[in-house]
Each structure stands twice: as C-alpha cells, then as structure tokens.
Amino acid sequence: MDRRPGAGDAVRMNCILRPVLLAAAGVAALGSVTPASADFAAGMEAARRGDFAVAVQEWTPLAKAGDAQAQVNLALMFELGASVDQDYEQSAHWYGLAAEQGDAGAQYHLGLHYQSGLGVAQDSVRAVALFQQSADQAHPGAMYELGYAFHEGDGRPKDLVQAMAWFIASAARGWSPSVPARNFTERQLTDDELTKADGLAAAWLTDHPRP
C-alpha cells in the first residue's frame, strides 16, 4: 500500500495557514488583543502572504515563551526550510515541546519524525504512541497513520480490521489519503471483517463528535 498518497509539503504548509480564520475568530470573541496574540497573528498574516522570515521572527519569542501553536509553526518552518536552514533536529525539538503540552498537531508531526527518523532516532513504537495521542484528539492524519501502522504491523501488531476502522474514521473526517487506503484494505477483508470494522469506526465517530 502506498505510504502516504496525496500528502506532501503543500499539505503541511496548509496546517499553518488554516488557523488564520480560527485565530481571528478567537480574538473577536475575546474582545481584546494581547501583545502575544497580536504577534502570533502578525506571524500568521506574514505566512499567508509568503513572508516566512517575518513569520519566524514573530513566532520565535512566543515559542520560547511556551506558546504551543507558535512552537508548532516554528517547527514546521525548520522542517520545510522556510526562511531558515532545514533542520530536522530543531523541528523535532519544537514539535516535542508542543506535544508535551498536548497539542494534537505537534504529536502528529513528531510521530512522523520518529516514523522516518528525521532529527530523532527512528522508533516506530514511539511514533505510533504519538499518533495514538493525537488520534485520541481526533486528528485525522494521526488516525490515518494508526491505520497504516495496523495495516503494515509497524509499531503495532498487524490487524486489518483495526486498520480499516481507522481508515474509515479518518476518511469520514476529511483526510483524503485515507480514501485509497480504505478502498485498498476493503478488498483484503471478508464481509464479517468489514462489518466489524464499520462498527468500530461508527462507534469511534460517535464517541468523538466534531466540535
């Protein structure tokens, strides 16, 4: 099965651009703008127009002060080499700090680092543990990665029913690479196994409603 069909740097870059509207909505709801939120928003605006040097300048002090979203965004800059030298160790460092704070996106990206040995020692078991933490917060990419782990027996015992359940749930949450993975795995299961996978996915989606 293809490792991660359809994913790439553009998908990851989108991870820092999508929160712009959410951040703006949060500021509006609060009715005031703190210096930290203003700096973060300035970094987001800079990133949206492609000025990643300014974005890094705005996010770095916030990340050092413990802002998890700034840490995630700074990690992504180092991962992709956007206005900074590509540095997977720095990327893993900042993802790790945010992951310790429970940030689902950071847990997912740090899991990818451990999965591939980017800036850290390759460790499939550690990767899957991070994917599980992220998936418990309904991160669709992490849900997909759990499916892949079960499908391949990589960091988890091989279990095609569990793999199918995670692919179904991830696809239902809009993670497009899960669709071909789901379709591929479906052909490997019996009717009874498919019914069980459908039930597991339905139960998970019920227990994890969209916000």
N, C-alpha and C. Protein backbone atom coordinates (compact mmCIF):
# COMPACT_ATOMS: atom_id res chain seq x y z
N MET A 1 0.85 -1.20 0.00
CA MET A 1 0.00 0.00 0.00
C MET A 1 0.88 1.24 0.00
N ASP A 2 0.54 2.21 -0.82
CA ASP A 2 1.30 3.46 -0.89
C ASP A 2 1.36 4.10 0.48
N ARG A 3 2.56 4.59 0.83
CA ARG A 3 2.79 5.09 2.18
C ARG A 3 1.86 6.22 2.59
N ARG A 4 1.84 7.28 1.82
CA ARG A 4 1.02 8.42 2.20
C ARG A 4 0.52 9.11 0.94
N PRO A 5 -0.38 8.46 0.18
CA PRO A 5 -0.78 9.03 -1.10
C PRO A 5 -1.42 10.40 -0.95
N GLY A 6 -0.90 11.34 -1.76
CA GLY A 6 -1.52 12.66 -1.79
C GLY A 6 -1.00 13.64 -0.77
N ALA A 7 -0.16 13.21 0.16
CA ALA A 7 0.35 14.12 1.18
C ALA A 7 1.65 14.72 0.72
N GLY A 8 2.04 15.85 1.30
CA GLY A 8 3.29 16.49 0.90
C GLY A 8 3.48 17.80 1.60
N ASP A 9 4.50 18.53 1.16
CA ASP A 9 4.82 19.78 1.81
C ASP A 9 3.67 20.78 1.72
N ALA A 10 2.93 20.77 0.61
CA ALA A 10 1.81 21.71 0.49
C ALA A 10 0.77 21.44 1.56
N VAL A 11 0.51 20.16 1.85
CA VAL A 11 -0.46 19.81 2.88
C VAL A 11 0.03 20.31 4.24
N ARG A 12 1.33 20.13 4.51
CA ARG A 12 1.86 20.55 5.80
C ARG A 12 1.86 22.07 5.92
N MET A 13 2.22 22.76 4.85
CA MET A 13 2.19 24.22 4.91
C MET A 13 0.78 24.71 5.19
N ASN A 14 -0.20 24.02 4.65
CA ASN A 14 -1.58 24.41 4.88
C ASN A 14 -1.96 24.33 6.35
N CYS A 15 -1.24 23.47 7.10
CA CYS A 15 -1.52 23.34 8.53
C CYS A 15 -1.31 24.65 9.27
N ILE A 16 -0.41 25.51 8.80
CA ILE A 16 -0.20 26.77 9.49
C ILE A 16 -1.07 27.87 8.91
N LEU A 17 -1.61 27.67 7.72
CA LEU A 17 -2.42 28.72 7.11
C LEU A 17 -3.89 28.59 7.51
N ARG A 18 -4.37 27.38 7.71
CA ARG A 18 -5.77 27.18 8.06
C ARG A 18 -6.19 27.84 9.37
N PRO A 19 -5.31 27.90 10.39
CA PRO A 19 -5.75 28.51 11.65
C PRO A 19 -5.95 30.02 11.61
N VAL A 20 -5.66 30.69 10.50
CA VAL A 20 -5.78 32.15 10.47
C VAL A 20 -7.19 32.59 10.85
N LEU A 21 -8.19 32.01 10.21
CA LEU A 21 -9.56 32.41 10.48
C LEU A 21 -9.96 32.03 11.90
N LEU A 22 -9.49 30.88 12.39
CA LEU A 22 -9.82 30.46 13.74
C LEU A 22 -9.21 31.42 14.75
N ALA A 23 -7.97 31.82 14.50
CA ALA A 23 -7.31 32.75 15.41
C ALA A 23 -8.04 34.08 15.42
N ALA A 24 -8.45 34.53 14.24
CA ALA A 24 -9.17 35.80 14.16
C ALA A 24 -10.50 35.71 14.90
N ALA A 25 -11.16 34.57 14.78
CA ALA A 25 -12.43 34.38 15.48
C ALA A 25 -12.22 34.41 16.99
N GLY A 26 -11.12 33.82 17.45
CA GLY A 26 -10.84 33.82 18.87
C GLY A 26 -10.59 35.21 19.40
N VAL A 27 -9.86 36.02 18.64
CA VAL A 27 -9.60 37.40 19.06
C VAL A 27 -10.90 38.18 19.14
N ALA A 28 -11.75 37.97 18.15
CA ALA A 28 -13.01 38.70 18.14
C ALA A 28 -13.87 38.31 19.34
N ALA A 29 -13.85 37.02 19.68
CA ALA A 29 -14.66 36.54 20.80
C ALA A 29 -14.18 37.12 22.11
N LEU A 30 -12.86 37.28 22.25
CA LEU A 30 -12.31 37.82 23.48
C LEU A 30 -12.58 39.32 23.61
N GLY A 31 -12.68 39.99 22.47
CA GLY A 31 -12.96 41.41 22.50
C GLY A 31 -11.74 42.27 22.76
N SER A 32 -10.57 41.65 22.87
CA SER A 32 -9.34 42.40 23.09
C SER A 32 -8.20 41.62 22.48
N VAL A 33 -7.09 42.30 22.26
CA VAL A 33 -5.92 41.67 21.66
C VAL A 33 -4.73 41.86 22.58
N THR A 34 -4.17 40.75 23.07
CA THR A 34 -2.98 40.82 23.90
C THR A 34 -1.77 40.99 23.00
N PRO A 35 -0.65 41.48 23.55
CA PRO A 35 0.56 41.58 22.73
C PRO A 35 0.95 40.25 22.11
N ALA A 36 0.83 39.15 22.88
CA ALA A 36 1.22 37.83 22.36
C ALA A 36 0.32 37.42 21.20
N SER A 37 -1.00 37.62 21.34
CA SER A 37 -1.91 37.22 20.26
C SER A 37 -1.69 38.10 19.04
N ALA A 38 -1.36 39.36 19.27
CA ALA A 38 -1.09 40.26 18.14
C ALA A 38 0.17 39.82 17.39
N ASP A 39 1.21 39.41 18.13
CA ASP A 39 2.44 38.94 17.50
C ASP A 39 2.18 37.65 16.73
N PHE A 40 1.38 36.75 17.32
CA PHE A 40 1.08 35.50 16.64
C PHE A 40 0.30 35.78 15.36
N ALA A 41 -0.69 36.63 15.44
CA ALA A 41 -1.49 36.98 14.27
C ALA A 41 -0.64 37.64 13.19
N ALA A 42 0.31 38.46 13.61
CA ALA A 42 1.21 39.09 12.64
C ALA A 42 2.03 38.03 11.91
N GLY A 43 2.45 37.01 12.64
CA GLY A 43 3.19 35.92 12.02
C GLY A 43 2.32 35.14 11.05
N MET A 44 1.07 34.92 11.42
CA MET A 44 0.15 34.21 10.54
C MET A 44 -0.10 35.00 9.26
N GLU A 45 -0.28 36.30 9.40
CA GLU A 45 -0.51 37.15 8.23
C GLU A 45 0.71 37.14 7.32
N ALA A 46 1.89 37.19 7.93
CA ALA A 46 3.12 37.15 7.13
C ALA A 46 3.24 35.81 6.39
N ALA A 47 2.92 34.72 7.08
CA ALA A 47 2.98 33.41 6.44
C ALA A 47 1.99 33.31 5.30
N ARG A 48 0.82 33.89 5.49
CA ARG A 48 -0.21 33.82 4.45
C ARG A 48 0.23 34.53 3.18
N ARG A 49 1.00 35.60 3.33
CA ARG A 49 1.48 36.30 2.13
C ARG A 49 2.85 35.78 1.66
N GLY A 50 3.34 34.73 2.33
CA GLY A 50 4.59 34.10 1.89
C GLY A 50 5.85 34.70 2.48
N ASP A 51 5.73 35.58 3.44
CA ASP A 51 6.89 36.21 4.07
C ASP A 51 7.24 35.42 5.33
N PHE A 52 7.90 34.28 5.12
CA PHE A 52 8.16 33.38 6.24
C PHE A 52 9.26 33.90 7.17
N ALA A 53 10.13 34.77 6.66
CA ALA A 53 11.16 35.35 7.52
C ALA A 53 10.51 36.17 8.63
N VAL A 54 9.52 36.97 8.28
CA VAL A 54 8.81 37.76 9.28
C VAL A 54 8.02 36.84 10.20
N ALA A 55 7.41 35.80 9.64
CA ALA A 55 6.65 34.86 10.46
C ALA A 55 7.55 34.23 11.53
N VAL A 56 8.73 33.79 11.13
CA VAL A 56 9.67 33.19 12.08
C VAL A 56 10.07 34.21 13.14
N GLN A 57 10.29 35.44 12.72
CA GLN A 57 10.66 36.50 13.66
C GLN A 57 9.57 36.71 14.71
N GLU A 58 8.32 36.66 14.29
CA GLU A 58 7.20 36.88 15.21
C GLU A 58 6.99 35.67 16.13
N TRP A 59 7.15 34.47 15.58
CA TRP A 59 6.82 33.27 16.35
C TRP A 59 7.92 32.82 17.30
N THR A 60 9.17 33.13 17.00
CA THR A 60 10.27 32.60 17.81
C THR A 60 10.18 33.00 19.29
N PRO A 61 10.01 34.30 19.61
CA PRO A 61 9.91 34.63 21.04
C PRO A 61 8.68 34.00 21.70
N LEU A 62 7.59 33.88 20.97
CA LEU A 62 6.40 33.24 21.53
C LEU A 62 6.66 31.77 21.81
N ALA A 63 7.34 31.10 20.86
CA ALA A 63 7.66 29.69 21.05
C ALA A 63 8.57 29.50 22.26
N LYS A 64 9.55 30.38 22.40
CA LYS A 64 10.47 30.28 23.55
C LYS A 64 9.74 30.53 24.86
N ALA A 65 8.65 31.29 24.80
CA ALA A 65 7.86 31.58 26.00
C ALA A 65 6.86 30.48 26.31
N GLY A 66 6.78 29.48 25.43
CA GLY A 66 5.91 28.33 25.71
C GLY A 66 4.61 28.29 24.96
N ASP A 67 4.40 29.15 23.97
CA ASP A 67 3.17 29.14 23.18
C ASP A 67 3.19 27.93 22.25
N ALA A 68 2.27 26.98 22.47
CA ALA A 68 2.30 25.71 21.74
C ALA A 68 2.09 25.89 20.24
N GLN A 69 1.15 26.76 19.83
CA GLN A 69 0.90 26.94 18.41
C GLN A 69 2.09 27.59 17.72
N ALA A 70 2.73 28.53 18.40
CA ALA A 70 3.93 29.14 17.84
C ALA A 70 5.04 28.10 17.73
N GLN A 71 5.13 27.20 18.70
CA GLN A 71 6.13 26.13 18.64
C GLN A 71 5.87 25.21 17.44
N VAL A 72 4.62 24.88 17.21
CA VAL A 72 4.27 24.03 16.06
C VAL A 72 4.64 24.72 14.76
N ASN A 73 4.29 25.99 14.64
CA ASN A 73 4.56 26.71 13.40
C ASN A 73 6.05 26.89 13.17
N LEU A 74 6.80 27.17 14.24
CA LEU A 74 8.24 27.30 14.11
C LEU A 74 8.87 25.96 13.73
N ALA A 75 8.36 24.88 14.31
CA ALA A 75 8.85 23.55 13.95
C ALA A 75 8.65 23.28 12.46
N LEU A 76 7.50 23.68 11.95
CA LEU A 76 7.21 23.46 10.53
C LEU A 76 8.16 24.26 9.64
N MET A 77 8.51 25.47 10.08
CA MET A 77 9.47 26.26 9.31
C MET A 77 10.81 25.55 9.21
N PHE A 78 11.28 24.98 10.33
CA PHE A 78 12.53 24.24 10.31
C PHE A 78 12.40 22.94 9.50
N GLU A 79 11.24 22.32 9.58
CA GLU A 79 11.04 21.07 8.84
C GLU A 79 11.11 21.30 7.33
N LEU A 80 10.51 22.39 6.88
CA LEU A 80 10.44 22.66 5.45
C LEU A 80 11.57 23.55 4.95
N GLY A 81 12.33 24.15 5.86
CA GLY A 81 13.38 25.06 5.45
C GLY A 81 12.82 26.35 4.89
N ALA A 82 11.75 26.85 5.52
CA ALA A 82 11.09 28.08 5.07
C ALA A 82 11.70 29.27 5.78
N SER A 83 12.60 29.98 5.08
CA SER A 83 13.31 31.16 5.56
C SER A 83 14.39 30.84 6.59
N VAL A 84 14.51 29.58 6.97
CA VAL A 84 15.57 29.11 7.86
C VAL A 84 16.20 27.89 7.21
N ASP A 85 17.41 27.54 7.64
CA ASP A 85 18.02 26.31 7.14
C ASP A 85 17.19 25.12 7.60
N GLN A 86 16.95 24.19 6.69
CA GLN A 86 16.20 23.00 7.07
C GLN A 86 16.95 22.26 8.16
N ASP A 87 16.28 21.99 9.26
CA ASP A 87 16.92 21.40 10.42
C ASP A 87 15.91 20.51 11.14
N TYR A 88 16.00 19.21 10.88
CA TYR A 88 15.03 18.29 11.45
C TYR A 88 15.17 18.16 12.97
N GLU A 89 16.37 18.33 13.49
CA GLU A 89 16.54 18.28 14.94
C GLU A 89 15.81 19.43 15.61
N GLN A 90 15.95 20.64 15.05
CA GLN A 90 15.22 21.77 15.59
C GLN A 90 13.71 21.59 15.42
N SER A 91 13.33 21.04 14.29
CA SER A 91 11.91 20.79 14.05
C SER A 91 11.36 19.83 15.10
N ALA A 92 12.06 18.73 15.34
CA ALA A 92 11.62 17.76 16.34
C ALA A 92 11.60 18.38 17.73
N HIS A 93 12.57 19.23 18.00
CA HIS A 93 12.63 19.89 19.31
C HIS A 93 11.37 20.71 19.57
N TRP A 94 10.99 21.55 18.61
CA TRP A 94 9.84 22.41 18.83
C TRP A 94 8.53 21.63 18.80
N TYR A 95 8.44 20.63 17.91
CA TYR A 95 7.25 19.76 17.95
C TYR A 95 7.16 19.08 19.31
N GLY A 96 8.32 18.64 19.83
CA GLY A 96 8.31 17.93 21.10
C GLY A 96 7.80 18.79 22.25
N LEU A 97 8.21 20.05 22.29
CA LEU A 97 7.74 20.95 23.34
C LEU A 97 6.23 21.15 23.27
N ALA A 98 5.72 21.32 22.06
CA ALA A 98 4.27 21.50 21.90
C ALA A 98 3.53 20.20 22.18
N ALA A 99 4.12 19.07 21.79
CA ALA A 99 3.48 17.78 22.04
C ALA A 99 3.34 17.52 23.54
N GLU A 100 4.33 17.94 24.30
CA GLU A 100 4.27 17.78 25.76
C GLU A 100 3.11 18.57 26.36
N GLN A 101 2.69 19.60 25.67
CA GLN A 101 1.55 20.40 26.13
C GLN A 101 0.22 19.84 25.63
N GLY A 102 0.29 18.72 24.90
CA GLY A 102 -0.93 18.07 24.44
C GLY A 102 -1.44 18.55 23.10
N ASP A 103 -0.61 19.28 22.34
CA ASP A 103 -1.06 19.76 21.03
C ASP A 103 -1.14 18.59 20.05
N ALA A 104 -2.32 18.35 19.50
CA ALA A 104 -2.54 17.20 18.63
C ALA A 104 -1.72 17.28 17.35
N GLY A 105 -1.62 18.47 16.77
CA GLY A 105 -0.83 18.63 15.56
C GLY A 105 0.64 18.35 15.80
N ALA A 106 1.15 18.80 16.94
CA ALA A 106 2.54 18.55 17.27
C ALA A 106 2.79 17.07 17.49
N GLN A 107 1.87 16.40 18.16
CA GLN A 107 2.01 14.96 18.37
C GLN A 107 2.04 14.21 17.04
N TYR A 108 1.19 14.63 16.14
CA TYR A 108 1.15 14.01 14.81
C TYR A 108 2.46 14.21 14.06
N HIS A 109 2.93 15.45 13.99
CA HIS A 109 4.16 15.73 13.24
C HIS A 109 5.39 15.11 13.90
N LEU A 110 5.43 15.12 15.23
CA LEU A 110 6.55 14.47 15.91
C LEU A 110 6.52 12.98 15.64
N GLY A 111 5.32 12.41 15.58
CA GLY A 111 5.20 11.00 15.23
C GLY A 111 5.78 10.70 13.85
N LEU A 112 5.54 11.60 12.90
CA LEU A 112 6.11 11.44 11.56
C LEU A 112 7.64 11.48 11.61
N HIS A 113 8.18 12.35 12.48
CA HIS A 113 9.64 12.42 12.63
C HIS A 113 10.20 11.10 13.15
N TYR A 114 9.55 10.55 14.18
CA TYR A 114 10.01 9.27 14.72
C TYR A 114 9.80 8.14 13.72
N GLN A 115 8.77 8.21 12.97
CA GLN A 115 8.48 7.18 11.98
C GLN A 115 9.57 7.10 10.92
N SER A 116 10.08 8.26 10.52
CA SER A 116 11.07 8.32 9.44
C SER A 116 12.49 8.56 9.93
N GLY A 117 12.67 8.80 11.23
CA GLY A 117 13.99 9.08 11.74
C GLY A 117 14.51 10.45 11.34
N LEU A 118 13.64 11.44 11.33
CA LEU A 118 14.02 12.81 10.95
C LEU A 118 14.38 13.62 12.19
N GLY A 119 15.65 13.81 12.43
CA GLY A 119 16.09 14.59 13.57
C GLY A 119 16.05 13.85 14.89
N VAL A 120 15.57 12.62 14.85
CA VAL A 120 15.50 11.75 16.03
C VAL A 120 15.83 10.34 15.58
N ALA A 121 16.13 9.46 16.53
CA ALA A 121 16.35 8.06 16.19
C ALA A 121 15.03 7.44 15.74
N GLN A 122 15.05 6.72 14.64
CA GLN A 122 13.83 6.10 14.13
C GLN A 122 13.26 5.14 15.18
N ASP A 123 11.97 5.28 15.45
CA ASP A 123 11.33 4.48 16.51
C ASP A 123 9.85 4.35 16.17
N SER A 124 9.48 3.23 15.56
CA SER A 124 8.09 3.04 15.14
C SER A 124 7.14 2.96 16.31
N VAL A 125 7.59 2.36 17.40
CA VAL A 125 6.72 2.24 18.57
C VAL A 125 6.42 3.62 19.16
N ARG A 126 7.44 4.45 19.27
CA ARG A 126 7.25 5.81 19.76
C ARG A 126 6.36 6.60 18.81
N ALA A 127 6.56 6.41 17.51
CA ALA A 127 5.74 7.11 16.52
C ALA A 127 4.27 6.77 16.70
N VAL A 128 3.98 5.49 16.85
CA VAL A 128 2.59 5.06 16.96
C VAL A 128 1.97 5.56 18.26
N ALA A 129 2.76 5.61 19.33
CA ALA A 129 2.25 6.14 20.60
C ALA A 129 1.84 7.60 20.43
N LEU A 130 2.64 8.36 19.69
CA LEU A 130 2.30 9.77 19.43
C LEU A 130 1.08 9.88 18.54
N PHE A 131 1.00 9.02 17.53
CA PHE A 131 -0.18 9.03 16.67
C PHE A 131 -1.44 8.72 17.48
N GLN A 132 -1.31 7.80 18.43
CA GLN A 132 -2.47 7.45 19.25
C GLN A 132 -2.91 8.64 20.10
N GLN A 133 -1.95 9.35 20.70
CA GLN A 133 -2.29 10.54 21.49
C GLN A 133 -3.00 11.58 20.62
N SER A 134 -2.50 11.77 19.42
CA SER A 134 -3.09 12.74 18.51
C SER A 134 -4.46 12.29 18.02
N ALA A 135 -4.57 11.01 17.69
CA ALA A 135 -5.85 10.46 17.21
C ALA A 135 -6.91 10.52 18.30
N ASP A 136 -6.49 10.39 19.56
CA ASP A 136 -7.45 10.50 20.66
C ASP A 136 -8.08 11.89 20.70
N GLN A 137 -7.42 12.85 20.06
CA GLN A 137 -7.98 14.19 19.94
C GLN A 137 -8.58 14.43 18.56
N ALA A 138 -8.77 13.33 17.82
CA ALA A 138 -9.46 13.35 16.53
C ALA A 138 -8.66 14.03 15.42
N HIS A 139 -7.33 13.96 15.49
CA HIS A 139 -6.52 14.46 14.36
C HIS A 139 -6.61 13.44 13.23
N PRO A 140 -7.19 13.80 12.07
CA PRO A 140 -7.43 12.81 11.02
C PRO A 140 -6.15 12.23 10.43
N GLY A 141 -5.08 13.03 10.36
CA GLY A 141 -3.82 12.49 9.85
C GLY A 141 -3.26 11.42 10.76
N ALA A 142 -3.34 11.64 12.07
CA ALA A 142 -2.88 10.64 13.02
C ALA A 142 -3.75 9.39 12.96
N MET A 143 -5.04 9.58 12.74
CA MET A 143 -5.94 8.43 12.59
C MET A 143 -5.53 7.59 11.39
N TYR A 144 -5.18 8.27 10.31
CA TYR A 144 -4.69 7.56 9.12
C TYR A 144 -3.41 6.80 9.43
N GLU A 145 -2.48 7.44 10.15
CA GLU A 145 -1.22 6.79 10.46
C GLU A 145 -1.41 5.56 11.33
N LEU A 146 -2.37 5.61 12.24
CA LEU A 146 -2.68 4.42 13.03
C LEU A 146 -3.18 3.30 12.13
N GLY A 147 -4.03 3.68 11.18
CA GLY A 147 -4.50 2.67 10.22
C GLY A 147 -3.35 2.03 9.47
N TYR A 148 -2.41 2.87 9.03
CA TYR A 148 -1.25 2.34 8.32
C TYR A 148 -0.43 1.43 9.22
N ALA A 149 -0.24 1.83 10.48
CA ALA A 149 0.54 1.01 11.41
C ALA A 149 -0.10 -0.37 11.59
N PHE A 150 -1.41 -0.40 11.74
CA PHE A 150 -2.10 -1.67 11.88
C PHE A 150 -2.05 -2.47 10.58
N HIS A 151 -2.13 -1.78 9.46
CA HIS A 151 -2.11 -2.48 8.17
C HIS A 151 -0.78 -3.17 7.93
N GLU A 152 0.30 -2.47 8.28
CA GLU A 152 1.63 -2.99 7.98
C GLU A 152 2.28 -3.73 9.15
N GLY A 153 1.67 -3.68 10.33
CA GLY A 153 2.30 -4.26 11.50
C GLY A 153 3.55 -3.50 11.88
N ASP A 154 3.49 -2.17 11.76
CA ASP A 154 4.64 -1.30 12.01
C ASP A 154 4.41 -0.52 13.29
N GLY A 155 5.00 -0.98 14.39
CA GLY A 155 4.78 -0.34 15.68
C GLY A 155 3.56 -0.84 16.41
N ARG A 156 2.75 -1.62 15.75
CA ARG A 156 1.57 -2.28 16.32
C ARG A 156 1.44 -3.64 15.65
N PRO A 157 0.86 -4.63 16.33
CA PRO A 157 0.61 -5.92 15.68
C PRO A 157 -0.31 -5.73 14.47
N LYS A 158 -0.04 -6.45 13.41
CA LYS A 158 -0.84 -6.33 12.19
C LYS A 158 -2.29 -6.71 12.49
N ASP A 159 -3.21 -5.88 12.09
CA ASP A 159 -4.64 -6.09 12.34
C ASP A 159 -5.41 -5.32 11.28
N LEU A 160 -5.85 -6.01 10.23
CA LEU A 160 -6.50 -5.34 9.11
C LEU A 160 -7.87 -4.77 9.48
N VAL A 161 -8.54 -5.38 10.44
CA VAL A 161 -9.84 -4.84 10.87
C VAL A 161 -9.64 -3.48 11.55
N GLN A 162 -8.65 -3.41 12.45
CA GLN A 162 -8.35 -2.13 13.09
C GLN A 162 -7.88 -1.11 12.05
N ALA A 163 -7.06 -1.56 11.11
CA ALA A 163 -6.59 -0.66 10.05
C ALA A 163 -7.77 -0.08 9.28
N MET A 164 -8.69 -0.94 8.90
CA MET A 164 -9.85 -0.49 8.13
C MET A 164 -10.70 0.48 8.94
N ALA A 165 -10.88 0.20 10.23
CA ALA A 165 -11.68 1.08 11.07
C ALA A 165 -11.08 2.48 11.13
N TRP A 166 -9.75 2.55 11.27
CA TRP A 166 -9.11 3.87 11.33
C TRP A 166 -9.15 4.58 9.98
N PHE A 167 -9.02 3.83 8.90
CA PHE A 167 -9.11 4.45 7.58
C PHE A 167 -10.52 5.01 7.34
N ILE A 168 -11.53 4.24 7.74
CA ILE A 168 -12.91 4.71 7.57
C ILE A 168 -13.15 5.99 8.37
N ALA A 169 -12.72 5.97 9.64
CA ALA A 169 -12.94 7.13 10.50
C ALA A 169 -12.18 8.35 10.01
N SER A 170 -10.93 8.14 9.58
CA SER A 170 -10.13 9.24 9.08
C SER A 170 -10.73 9.83 7.81
N ALA A 171 -11.17 8.96 6.91
CA ALA A 171 -11.80 9.43 5.68
C ALA A 171 -13.07 10.22 5.99
N ALA A 172 -13.81 9.76 6.99
CA ALA A 172 -15.04 10.46 7.37
C ALA A 172 -14.74 11.85 7.91
N ARG A 173 -13.53 12.05 8.45
CA ARG A 173 -13.13 13.35 8.95
C ARG A 173 -12.38 14.17 7.90
N GLY A 174 -12.40 13.69 6.65
CA GLY A 174 -11.92 14.51 5.55
C GLY A 174 -10.45 14.35 5.18
N TRP A 175 -9.77 13.32 5.69
CA TRP A 175 -8.35 13.13 5.36
C TRP A 175 -8.27 12.33 4.06
N SER A 176 -8.02 12.99 2.96
CA SER A 176 -8.14 12.37 1.64
C SER A 176 -7.24 11.15 1.42
N PRO A 177 -6.00 11.10 1.95
CA PRO A 177 -5.20 9.89 1.73
C PRO A 177 -5.82 8.62 2.30
N SER A 178 -6.76 8.77 3.23
CA SER A 178 -7.41 7.59 3.81
C SER A 178 -8.37 6.92 2.84
N VAL A 179 -8.83 7.65 1.84
CA VAL A 179 -9.81 7.07 0.91
C VAL A 179 -9.20 5.93 0.09
N PRO A 180 -8.08 6.13 -0.62
CA PRO A 180 -7.50 5.00 -1.33
C PRO A 180 -7.02 3.89 -0.39
N ALA A 181 -6.55 4.25 0.80
CA ALA A 181 -6.13 3.25 1.77
C ALA A 181 -7.32 2.40 2.21
N ARG A 182 -8.44 3.06 2.45
CA ARG A 182 -9.67 2.35 2.82
C ARG A 182 -10.12 1.42 1.71
N ASN A 183 -10.10 1.92 0.48
CA ASN A 183 -10.55 1.11 -0.65
C ASN A 183 -9.63 -0.08 -0.88
N PHE A 184 -8.33 0.14 -0.70
CA PHE A 184 -7.36 -0.94 -0.87
C PHE A 184 -7.56 -2.01 0.20
N THR A 185 -7.75 -1.59 1.44
CA THR A 185 -7.89 -2.54 2.54
C THR A 185 -9.21 -3.29 2.47
N GLU A 186 -10.22 -2.64 1.97
CA GLU A 186 -11.54 -3.27 1.86
C GLU A 186 -11.47 -4.57 1.06
N ARG A 187 -10.62 -4.60 0.04
CA ARG A 187 -10.50 -5.78 -0.81
C ARG A 187 -9.79 -6.93 -0.11
N GLN A 188 -9.21 -6.66 1.05
CA GLN A 188 -8.46 -7.68 1.77
C GLN A 188 -9.27 -8.32 2.90
N LEU A 189 -10.49 -7.83 3.12
CA LEU A 189 -11.28 -8.29 4.25
C LEU A 189 -12.49 -9.10 3.82
N THR A 190 -12.92 -9.99 4.72
CA THR A 190 -14.17 -10.72 4.49
C THR A 190 -15.34 -9.81 4.83
N ASP A 191 -16.54 -10.26 4.47
CA ASP A 191 -17.73 -9.47 4.78
C ASP A 191 -17.88 -9.28 6.29
N ASP A 192 -17.63 -10.32 7.06
CA ASP A 192 -17.74 -10.21 8.52
C ASP A 192 -16.71 -9.22 9.07
N GLU A 193 -15.51 -9.26 8.53
CA GLU A 193 -14.48 -8.33 8.99
C GLU A 193 -14.84 -6.88 8.63
N LEU A 194 -15.41 -6.69 7.46
CA LEU A 194 -15.83 -5.35 7.07
C LEU A 194 -16.93 -4.82 8.00
N THR A 195 -17.87 -5.69 8.35
CA THR A 195 -18.94 -5.30 9.26
C THR A 195 -18.36 -4.89 10.61
N LYS A 196 -17.39 -5.66 11.09
CA LYS A 196 -16.76 -5.33 12.37
C LYS A 196 -16.03 -3.99 12.29
N ALA A 197 -15.29 -3.78 11.19
CA ALA A 197 -14.55 -2.51 11.02
C ALA A 197 -15.51 -1.33 10.95
N ASP A 198 -16.60 -1.50 10.21
CA ASP A 198 -17.60 -0.44 10.12
C ASP A 198 -18.15 -0.09 11.50
N GLY A 199 -18.40 -1.12 12.31
CA GLY A 199 -18.93 -0.90 13.65
C GLY A 199 -17.95 -0.17 14.54
N LEU A 200 -16.67 -0.56 14.46
CA LEU A 200 -15.64 0.10 15.27
C LEU A 200 -15.51 1.58 14.88
N ALA A 201 -15.51 1.84 13.57
CA ALA A 201 -15.39 3.22 13.10
C ALA A 201 -16.60 4.05 13.51
N ALA A 202 -17.79 3.48 13.37
CA ALA A 202 -19.01 4.20 13.74
C ALA A 202 -19.01 4.53 15.23
N ALA A 203 -18.57 3.58 16.05
CA ALA A 203 -18.53 3.81 17.50
C ALA A 203 -17.53 4.91 17.84
N TRP A 204 -16.38 4.88 17.18
CA TRP A 204 -15.37 5.91 17.46
C TRP A 204 -15.87 7.29 17.07
N LEU A 205 -16.50 7.37 15.90
CA LEU A 205 -17.00 8.67 15.43
C LEU A 205 -18.11 9.19 16.34
N THR A 206 -18.91 8.29 16.89
CA THR A 206 -19.96 8.70 17.82
C THR A 206 -19.36 9.22 19.12
N ASP A 207 -18.30 8.56 19.57
CA ASP A 207 -17.64 8.96 20.82
C ASP A 207 -16.79 10.22 20.67
N HIS A 208 -16.47 10.58 19.43
CA HIS A 208 -15.63 11.75 19.16
C HIS A 208 -16.36 12.67 18.18
N PRO A 209 -17.44 13.30 18.62
CA PRO A 209 -18.18 14.20 17.71
C PRO A 209 -17.34 15.38 17.30
N ARG A 210 -17.68 15.93 16.16
CA ARG A 210 -16.99 17.15 15.73
C ARG A 210 -17.29 18.28 16.71
N PRO A 211 -16.29 19.16 16.95
CA PRO A 211 -16.54 20.28 17.86
C PRO A 211 -17.63 21.20 17.34
